[in-house]
Amino acid sequence: MKVIFKFGIKTYSGTVDEMTFGSYRKHSLCIGRKYVTPVLTANNTLMGSVMKNLAEVYRDCSELYKADLKTYALRNSANIPSGKIPPTSFAIFVKMLYLFSELDEGHIELSTVTYSDLQTLGGDIASVADAVENGYLANVVDADELTANM
């Protein structure tokens, strides 16, 4: 349904009180509809368990390793097009582990991997410098200096 607001408000985008509003035609038209909760799928459940597990693994990593990931994220932001938000150190960690699990299929299941598993099997990504050298992360300036172990 077409929505008209009071007090000089032309359009609104978002959800308020069981209604979802959308702004269209260069912010000159607002359409509202009843909010419907999306149905959770098996993929939603899998992604939730993977991200929860990877957050625990990241928490167990050494502070120096996390600092190196932050430094890498800062240096990598030069490769990000302007207007795009650069990824955080955790996002880079997740992306690296997804690539690691894809290239080393059968050894690592991201929803159940532990920190000790990565200590044993993750020699290729033991440090940020190792991950760059082995192709799990893009090369950045002075990446070889980021040698703190996971």
N, C-alpha and C. Protein backbone atom coordinates (compact mmCIF):
# COMPACT_ATOMS: atom_id res chain seq x y z
N MET A 1 0.83 -1.17 0.00
CA MET A 1 0.00 0.00 0.00
C MET A 1 0.88 1.24 0.00
N LYS A 2 0.41 2.27 -0.63
CA LYS A 2 1.14 3.53 -0.65
C LYS A 2 1.01 4.18 0.72
N VAL A 3 2.12 4.74 1.20
CA VAL A 3 2.14 5.31 2.54
C VAL A 3 2.43 6.79 2.45
N ILE A 4 1.67 7.58 3.21
CA ILE A 4 1.91 9.02 3.30
C ILE A 4 2.16 9.35 4.77
N PHE A 5 3.30 9.99 5.04
CA PHE A 5 3.67 10.34 6.40
C PHE A 5 3.31 11.79 6.70
N LYS A 6 3.23 12.11 7.98
CA LYS A 6 2.99 13.48 8.42
C LYS A 6 4.32 14.15 8.73
N PHE A 7 4.27 15.40 9.07
CA PHE A 7 5.40 16.18 9.57
C PHE A 7 6.53 16.32 8.56
N GLY A 8 6.22 16.34 7.29
CA GLY A 8 7.23 16.59 6.26
C GLY A 8 8.12 15.41 5.92
N ILE A 9 7.81 14.23 6.43
CA ILE A 9 8.60 13.05 6.10
C ILE A 9 8.10 12.51 4.77
N LYS A 10 9.01 12.44 3.77
CA LYS A 10 8.60 11.94 2.45
C LYS A 10 8.58 10.42 2.40
N THR A 11 9.69 9.80 2.75
CA THR A 11 9.77 8.35 2.67
C THR A 11 10.55 7.81 3.85
N TYR A 12 10.48 6.50 4.01
CA TYR A 12 11.17 5.81 5.09
C TYR A 12 11.48 4.40 4.61
N SER A 13 12.65 3.90 4.93
CA SER A 13 13.01 2.52 4.63
C SER A 13 13.34 1.83 5.93
N GLY A 14 12.69 0.70 6.17
CA GLY A 14 12.98 -0.07 7.37
C GLY A 14 11.74 -0.76 7.87
N THR A 15 11.82 -1.31 9.09
CA THR A 15 10.73 -2.05 9.68
C THR A 15 10.37 -1.42 11.02
N VAL A 16 9.08 -1.17 11.21
CA VAL A 16 8.57 -0.63 12.46
C VAL A 16 7.24 -1.30 12.75
N ASP A 17 7.10 -1.86 13.95
CA ASP A 17 5.82 -2.42 14.40
C ASP A 17 5.12 -3.31 13.37
N GLU A 18 5.71 -4.37 12.93
CA GLU A 18 5.09 -5.32 12.02
C GLU A 18 4.79 -4.76 10.63
N MET A 19 5.39 -3.62 10.29
CA MET A 19 5.27 -3.07 8.94
C MET A 19 6.67 -2.84 8.38
N THR A 20 6.84 -3.15 7.11
CA THR A 20 8.10 -2.91 6.41
C THR A 20 7.86 -1.83 5.38
N PHE A 21 8.71 -0.82 5.37
CA PHE A 21 8.56 0.30 4.45
C PHE A 21 9.72 0.31 3.48
N GLY A 22 9.44 0.70 2.25
CA GLY A 22 10.47 0.81 1.23
C GLY A 22 10.36 2.13 0.51
N SER A 23 11.50 2.72 0.20
CA SER A 23 11.55 4.00 -0.50
C SER A 23 11.85 3.75 -1.97
N TYR A 24 11.05 4.32 -2.86
CA TYR A 24 11.18 4.09 -4.29
C TYR A 24 11.12 5.40 -5.05
N ARG A 25 11.42 5.33 -6.35
CA ARG A 25 11.38 6.47 -7.27
C ARG A 25 12.13 7.67 -6.72
N LYS A 26 13.41 7.44 -6.45
CA LYS A 26 14.30 8.49 -5.96
C LYS A 26 13.73 9.19 -4.73
N HIS A 27 13.27 8.41 -3.80
CA HIS A 27 12.76 8.88 -2.51
C HIS A 27 11.51 9.75 -2.64
N SER A 28 10.68 9.48 -3.63
CA SER A 28 9.44 10.24 -3.76
C SER A 28 8.21 9.37 -3.49
N LEU A 29 8.39 8.06 -3.31
CA LEU A 29 7.28 7.15 -3.08
C LEU A 29 7.65 6.18 -1.97
N CYS A 30 6.73 5.95 -1.06
CA CYS A 30 6.95 5.00 0.03
C CYS A 30 5.86 3.93 -0.03
N ILE A 31 6.26 2.69 -0.01
CA ILE A 31 5.32 1.58 -0.03
C ILE A 31 5.52 0.77 1.24
N GLY A 32 4.41 0.38 1.88
CA GLY A 32 4.46 -0.40 3.11
C GLY A 32 3.76 -1.73 2.94
N ARG A 33 4.24 -2.73 3.65
CA ARG A 33 3.60 -4.05 3.66
C ARG A 33 3.79 -4.68 5.02
N LYS A 34 3.01 -5.69 5.30
CA LYS A 34 3.12 -6.39 6.57
C LYS A 34 4.45 -7.14 6.59
N TYR A 35 5.14 -7.06 7.73
CA TYR A 35 6.41 -7.76 7.87
C TYR A 35 6.15 -9.25 8.06
N VAL A 36 6.88 -10.07 7.30
CA VAL A 36 6.78 -11.52 7.41
C VAL A 36 8.16 -12.04 7.79
N THR A 37 8.24 -12.80 8.86
CA THR A 37 9.51 -13.37 9.28
C THR A 37 9.94 -14.43 8.27
N PRO A 38 11.16 -14.31 7.74
CA PRO A 38 11.63 -15.32 6.78
C PRO A 38 11.74 -16.70 7.43
N VAL A 39 11.52 -17.73 6.64
CA VAL A 39 11.63 -19.10 7.12
C VAL A 39 13.11 -19.48 7.16
N LEU A 40 13.53 -20.06 8.28
CA LEU A 40 14.91 -20.50 8.40
C LEU A 40 15.11 -21.77 7.58
N THR A 41 16.22 -21.80 6.84
CA THR A 41 16.53 -22.95 6.02
C THR A 41 17.68 -23.74 6.65
N ALA A 42 17.99 -24.87 6.07
CA ALA A 42 19.12 -25.68 6.56
C ALA A 42 20.42 -24.91 6.38
N ASN A 43 20.52 -24.12 5.31
CA ASN A 43 21.73 -23.34 5.08
C ASN A 43 21.90 -22.26 6.16
N ASN A 44 20.80 -21.64 6.59
CA ASN A 44 20.87 -20.66 7.68
C ASN A 44 21.42 -21.30 8.95
N THR A 45 20.95 -22.48 9.26
CA THR A 45 21.39 -23.19 10.44
C THR A 45 22.86 -23.56 10.34
N LEU A 46 23.27 -24.05 9.17
CA LEU A 46 24.68 -24.42 8.96
C LEU A 46 25.58 -23.20 9.08
N MET A 47 25.21 -22.10 8.42
CA MET A 47 26.03 -20.88 8.49
C MET A 47 26.11 -20.36 9.93
N GLY A 48 25.01 -20.45 10.66
CA GLY A 48 25.02 -20.01 12.06
C GLY A 48 25.98 -20.83 12.90
N SER A 49 25.97 -22.15 12.71
CA SER A 49 26.86 -22.99 13.50
C SER A 49 28.32 -22.78 13.10
N VAL A 50 28.58 -22.57 11.81
CA VAL A 50 29.95 -22.31 11.35
C VAL A 50 30.47 -21.00 11.94
N MET A 51 29.67 -19.95 11.84
CA MET A 51 30.13 -18.64 12.34
C MET A 51 30.31 -18.64 13.86
N LYS A 52 29.43 -19.32 14.56
CA LYS A 52 29.56 -19.41 16.02
C LYS A 52 30.85 -20.14 16.38
N ASN A 53 31.13 -21.23 15.68
CA ASN A 53 32.33 -22.00 15.95
C ASN A 53 33.59 -21.21 15.60
N LEU A 54 33.59 -20.54 14.43
CA LEU A 54 34.76 -19.77 14.03
C LEU A 54 35.01 -18.59 14.96
N ALA A 55 33.95 -18.03 15.53
CA ALA A 55 34.12 -16.96 16.51
C ALA A 55 34.84 -17.48 17.76
N GLU A 56 34.51 -18.71 18.18
CA GLU A 56 35.19 -19.31 19.33
C GLU A 56 36.65 -19.61 19.01
N VAL A 57 36.91 -20.10 17.80
CA VAL A 57 38.29 -20.38 17.41
C VAL A 57 39.09 -19.08 17.36
N TYR A 58 38.50 -18.02 16.79
CA TYR A 58 39.17 -16.72 16.72
C TYR A 58 39.46 -16.19 18.11
N ARG A 59 38.54 -16.39 19.03
CA ARG A 59 38.74 -15.93 20.41
C ARG A 59 39.94 -16.63 21.05
N ASP A 60 40.16 -17.90 20.69
CA ASP A 60 41.26 -18.67 21.26
C ASP A 60 42.62 -18.34 20.64
N CYS A 61 42.64 -17.65 19.51
CA CYS A 61 43.91 -17.29 18.87
C CYS A 61 44.67 -16.30 19.75
N SER A 62 45.99 -16.28 19.56
CA SER A 62 46.83 -15.38 20.37
C SER A 62 46.54 -13.92 20.02
N GLU A 63 46.79 -13.06 20.99
CA GLU A 63 46.57 -11.63 20.78
C GLU A 63 47.50 -11.07 19.70
N LEU A 64 48.72 -11.61 19.63
CA LEU A 64 49.66 -11.15 18.60
C LEU A 64 49.17 -11.52 17.20
N TYR A 65 48.58 -12.71 17.08
CA TYR A 65 48.03 -13.14 15.79
C TYR A 65 46.87 -12.23 15.38
N LYS A 66 46.01 -11.91 16.33
CA LYS A 66 44.89 -11.01 16.04
C LYS A 66 45.40 -9.62 15.66
N ALA A 67 46.47 -9.18 16.31
CA ALA A 67 47.06 -7.87 15.97
C ALA A 67 47.63 -7.91 14.56
N ASP A 68 48.27 -9.03 14.20
CA ASP A 68 48.78 -9.17 12.83
C ASP A 68 47.64 -9.18 11.81
N LEU A 69 46.51 -9.83 12.15
CA LEU A 69 45.36 -9.81 11.24
C LEU A 69 44.81 -8.38 11.08
N LYS A 70 44.81 -7.61 12.17
CA LYS A 70 44.36 -6.22 12.09
C LYS A 70 45.30 -5.40 11.22
N THR A 71 46.60 -5.63 11.39
CA THR A 71 47.59 -4.94 10.55
C THR A 71 47.40 -5.32 9.09
N TYR A 72 47.18 -6.61 8.84
CA TYR A 72 46.94 -7.08 7.48
C TYR A 72 45.68 -6.41 6.91
N ALA A 73 44.62 -6.34 7.71
CA ALA A 73 43.37 -5.72 7.26
C ALA A 73 43.60 -4.26 6.89
N LEU A 74 44.39 -3.56 7.69
CA LEU A 74 44.70 -2.16 7.41
C LEU A 74 45.48 -2.03 6.11
N ARG A 75 46.49 -2.86 5.94
CA ARG A 75 47.30 -2.80 4.72
C ARG A 75 46.50 -3.26 3.50
N ASN A 76 45.60 -4.21 3.69
CA ASN A 76 44.78 -4.72 2.59
C ASN A 76 43.72 -3.71 2.16
N SER A 77 43.38 -2.78 3.03
CA SER A 77 42.34 -1.80 2.68
C SER A 77 42.75 -0.92 1.52
N ALA A 78 44.05 -0.87 1.21
CA ALA A 78 44.51 -0.12 0.04
C ALA A 78 44.05 -0.80 -1.25
N ASN A 79 43.77 -2.11 -1.20
CA ASN A 79 43.31 -2.86 -2.36
C ASN A 79 41.80 -2.80 -2.56
N ILE A 80 41.07 -2.22 -1.61
CA ILE A 80 39.62 -2.16 -1.66
C ILE A 80 39.20 -0.91 -2.43
N PRO A 81 38.27 -1.04 -3.39
CA PRO A 81 37.82 0.14 -4.14
C PRO A 81 37.18 1.18 -3.20
N SER A 82 37.32 2.44 -3.56
CA SER A 82 36.74 3.49 -2.71
C SER A 82 35.22 3.33 -2.69
N GLY A 83 34.65 3.65 -1.56
CA GLY A 83 33.21 3.50 -1.39
C GLY A 83 32.83 2.15 -0.81
N LYS A 84 33.73 1.20 -0.82
CA LYS A 84 33.48 -0.12 -0.23
C LYS A 84 34.05 -0.15 1.18
N ILE A 85 33.40 -0.87 2.06
CA ILE A 85 33.87 -0.98 3.43
C ILE A 85 34.90 -2.10 3.49
N PRO A 86 36.10 -1.83 3.98
CA PRO A 86 37.12 -2.89 4.05
C PRO A 86 36.74 -3.94 5.08
N PRO A 87 37.12 -5.19 4.84
CA PRO A 87 36.78 -6.26 5.79
C PRO A 87 37.56 -6.13 7.09
N THR A 88 36.96 -6.61 8.15
CA THR A 88 37.60 -6.61 9.46
C THR A 88 38.57 -7.77 9.56
N SER A 89 39.35 -7.79 10.63
CA SER A 89 40.30 -8.89 10.82
C SER A 89 39.56 -10.21 10.98
N PHE A 90 38.41 -10.22 11.64
CA PHE A 90 37.64 -11.46 11.79
C PHE A 90 37.11 -11.92 10.44
N ALA A 91 36.64 -10.99 9.61
CA ALA A 91 36.14 -11.36 8.28
C ALA A 91 37.26 -11.96 7.43
N ILE A 92 38.45 -11.41 7.54
CA ILE A 92 39.60 -11.96 6.81
C ILE A 92 39.94 -13.35 7.33
N PHE A 93 39.86 -13.54 8.64
CA PHE A 93 40.11 -14.86 9.25
C PHE A 93 39.11 -15.88 8.72
N VAL A 94 37.84 -15.52 8.68
CA VAL A 94 36.79 -16.42 8.19
C VAL A 94 37.01 -16.75 6.72
N LYS A 95 37.30 -15.74 5.91
CA LYS A 95 37.54 -15.97 4.49
C LYS A 95 38.73 -16.91 4.28
N MET A 96 39.78 -16.70 5.05
CA MET A 96 40.97 -17.54 4.96
C MET A 96 40.63 -18.99 5.32
N LEU A 97 39.85 -19.19 6.38
CA LEU A 97 39.51 -20.55 6.78
C LEU A 97 38.58 -21.23 5.79
N TYR A 98 37.67 -20.47 5.18
CA TYR A 98 36.82 -21.06 4.14
C TYR A 98 37.68 -21.54 2.97
N LEU A 99 38.62 -20.73 2.54
CA LEU A 99 39.50 -21.14 1.44
C LEU A 99 40.36 -22.32 1.86
N PHE A 100 40.85 -22.31 3.09
CA PHE A 100 41.66 -23.41 3.61
C PHE A 100 40.86 -24.72 3.61
N SER A 101 39.59 -24.66 4.02
CA SER A 101 38.78 -25.88 4.06
C SER A 101 38.41 -26.35 2.65
N GLU A 102 38.25 -25.42 1.70
CA GLU A 102 37.94 -25.81 0.32
C GLU A 102 39.14 -26.47 -0.35
N LEU A 103 40.33 -25.92 -0.15
CA LEU A 103 41.51 -26.45 -0.81
C LEU A 103 42.04 -27.72 -0.14
N ASP A 104 41.70 -27.92 1.12
CA ASP A 104 42.13 -29.10 1.85
C ASP A 104 40.89 -29.90 2.26
N GLU A 105 40.08 -30.26 1.26
CA GLU A 105 38.79 -30.89 1.50
C GLU A 105 38.92 -32.20 2.27
N GLY A 106 37.97 -32.42 3.16
CA GLY A 106 37.94 -33.65 3.92
C GLY A 106 38.68 -33.59 5.25
N HIS A 107 39.58 -32.64 5.41
CA HIS A 107 40.34 -32.56 6.66
C HIS A 107 39.70 -31.64 7.68
N ILE A 108 39.02 -30.60 7.20
CA ILE A 108 38.51 -29.60 8.13
C ILE A 108 37.02 -29.35 7.86
N GLU A 109 36.22 -29.46 8.91
CA GLU A 109 34.80 -29.11 8.86
C GLU A 109 34.65 -27.86 9.72
N LEU A 110 34.27 -26.75 9.09
CA LEU A 110 34.29 -25.46 9.79
C LEU A 110 33.32 -25.37 10.95
N SER A 111 32.27 -26.18 10.95
CA SER A 111 31.31 -26.10 12.05
C SER A 111 31.81 -26.84 13.30
N THR A 112 32.87 -27.66 13.15
CA THR A 112 33.37 -28.41 14.30
C THR A 112 34.86 -28.24 14.54
N VAL A 113 35.56 -27.50 13.69
CA VAL A 113 37.01 -27.36 13.85
C VAL A 113 37.31 -26.64 15.16
N THR A 114 38.41 -27.02 15.78
CA THR A 114 38.82 -26.39 17.04
C THR A 114 40.17 -25.71 16.85
N TYR A 115 40.53 -24.94 17.83
CA TYR A 115 41.82 -24.25 17.80
C TYR A 115 42.96 -25.26 17.76
N SER A 116 42.84 -26.33 18.54
CA SER A 116 43.90 -27.34 18.55
C SER A 116 43.99 -28.07 17.21
N ASP A 117 42.85 -28.24 16.51
CA ASP A 117 42.89 -28.82 15.16
C ASP A 117 43.72 -27.95 14.23
N LEU A 118 43.52 -26.65 14.32
CA LEU A 118 44.27 -25.73 13.46
C LEU A 118 45.75 -25.72 13.83
N GLN A 119 46.05 -25.91 15.11
CA GLN A 119 47.46 -25.99 15.52
C GLN A 119 48.13 -27.20 14.88
N THR A 120 47.36 -28.29 14.74
CA THR A 120 47.90 -29.53 14.19
C THR A 120 47.92 -29.53 12.66
N LEU A 121 46.78 -29.18 12.05
CA LEU A 121 46.62 -29.29 10.60
C LEU A 121 46.87 -27.99 9.84
N GLY A 122 46.89 -26.88 10.54
CA GLY A 122 46.93 -25.58 9.88
C GLY A 122 48.29 -24.97 9.73
N GLY A 123 49.30 -25.74 9.39
CA GLY A 123 50.64 -25.20 9.21
C GLY A 123 50.72 -24.16 8.11
N ASP A 124 49.87 -24.31 7.09
CA ASP A 124 49.88 -23.36 5.98
C ASP A 124 49.33 -21.99 6.38
N ILE A 125 48.57 -21.95 7.47
CA ILE A 125 47.98 -20.67 7.90
C ILE A 125 48.36 -20.36 9.34
N ALA A 126 49.45 -20.91 9.81
CA ALA A 126 49.86 -20.72 11.20
C ALA A 126 50.12 -19.26 11.54
N SER A 127 50.57 -18.49 10.56
CA SER A 127 50.74 -17.04 10.74
C SER A 127 50.19 -16.35 9.49
N VAL A 128 50.00 -15.06 9.58
CA VAL A 128 49.50 -14.31 8.43
C VAL A 128 50.51 -14.38 7.29
N ALA A 129 51.80 -14.33 7.62
CA ALA A 129 52.84 -14.43 6.58
C ALA A 129 52.76 -15.77 5.88
N ASP A 130 52.54 -16.86 6.64
CA ASP A 130 52.39 -18.19 6.02
C ASP A 130 51.16 -18.24 5.13
N ALA A 131 50.06 -17.66 5.58
CA ALA A 131 48.83 -17.68 4.79
C ALA A 131 49.01 -16.92 3.48
N VAL A 132 49.73 -15.80 3.52
CA VAL A 132 50.00 -15.04 2.29
C VAL A 132 50.92 -15.84 1.38
N GLU A 133 51.96 -16.41 1.95
CA GLU A 133 52.93 -17.17 1.17
C GLU A 133 52.29 -18.38 0.49
N ASN A 134 51.33 -19.02 1.17
CA ASN A 134 50.69 -20.22 0.63
C ASN A 134 49.44 -19.92 -0.19
N GLY A 135 49.12 -18.64 -0.38
CA GLY A 135 48.03 -18.25 -1.26
C GLY A 135 46.65 -18.21 -0.63
N TYR A 136 46.55 -18.26 0.68
CA TYR A 136 45.25 -18.19 1.34
C TYR A 136 44.80 -16.75 1.57
N LEU A 137 45.74 -15.82 1.54
CA LEU A 137 45.43 -14.39 1.64
C LEU A 137 46.18 -13.66 0.53
N ALA A 138 45.61 -12.55 0.09
CA ALA A 138 46.25 -11.74 -0.95
C ALA A 138 47.52 -11.10 -0.39
N ASN A 139 48.47 -10.86 -1.25
CA ASN A 139 49.73 -10.26 -0.83
C ASN A 139 49.54 -8.77 -0.55
N VAL A 140 50.15 -8.31 0.52
CA VAL A 140 50.14 -6.88 0.87
C VAL A 140 51.58 -6.47 1.16
N VAL A 141 51.78 -5.18 1.31
CA VAL A 141 53.11 -4.65 1.60
C VAL A 141 53.60 -5.19 2.95
N ASP A 142 54.83 -5.68 2.96
CA ASP A 142 55.48 -6.20 4.18
C ASP A 142 54.67 -7.31 4.87
N ALA A 143 54.03 -8.15 4.09
CA ALA A 143 53.27 -9.27 4.66
C ALA A 143 54.19 -10.26 5.35
N ASP A 144 55.43 -10.34 4.93
CA ASP A 144 56.36 -11.30 5.52
C ASP A 144 56.75 -10.92 6.96
N GLU A 145 56.40 -9.72 7.41
CA GLU A 145 56.69 -9.30 8.78
C GLU A 145 55.64 -9.77 9.77
N LEU A 146 54.50 -10.25 9.29
CA LEU A 146 53.38 -10.63 10.14
C LEU A 146 53.51 -12.11 10.52
N THR A 147 54.42 -12.40 11.44
CA THR A 147 54.81 -13.78 11.73
C THR A 147 54.31 -14.35 13.05
N ALA A 148 53.45 -13.67 13.75
CA ALA A 148 52.95 -14.19 15.03
C ALA A 148 52.15 -15.45 14.79
N ASN A 149 52.40 -16.48 15.60
CA ASN A 149 51.70 -17.75 15.43
C ASN A 149 50.29 -17.68 16.01
N MET A 150 49.44 -18.47 15.41
CA MET A 150 48.04 -18.53 15.79
C MET A 150 47.92 -18.94 17.25
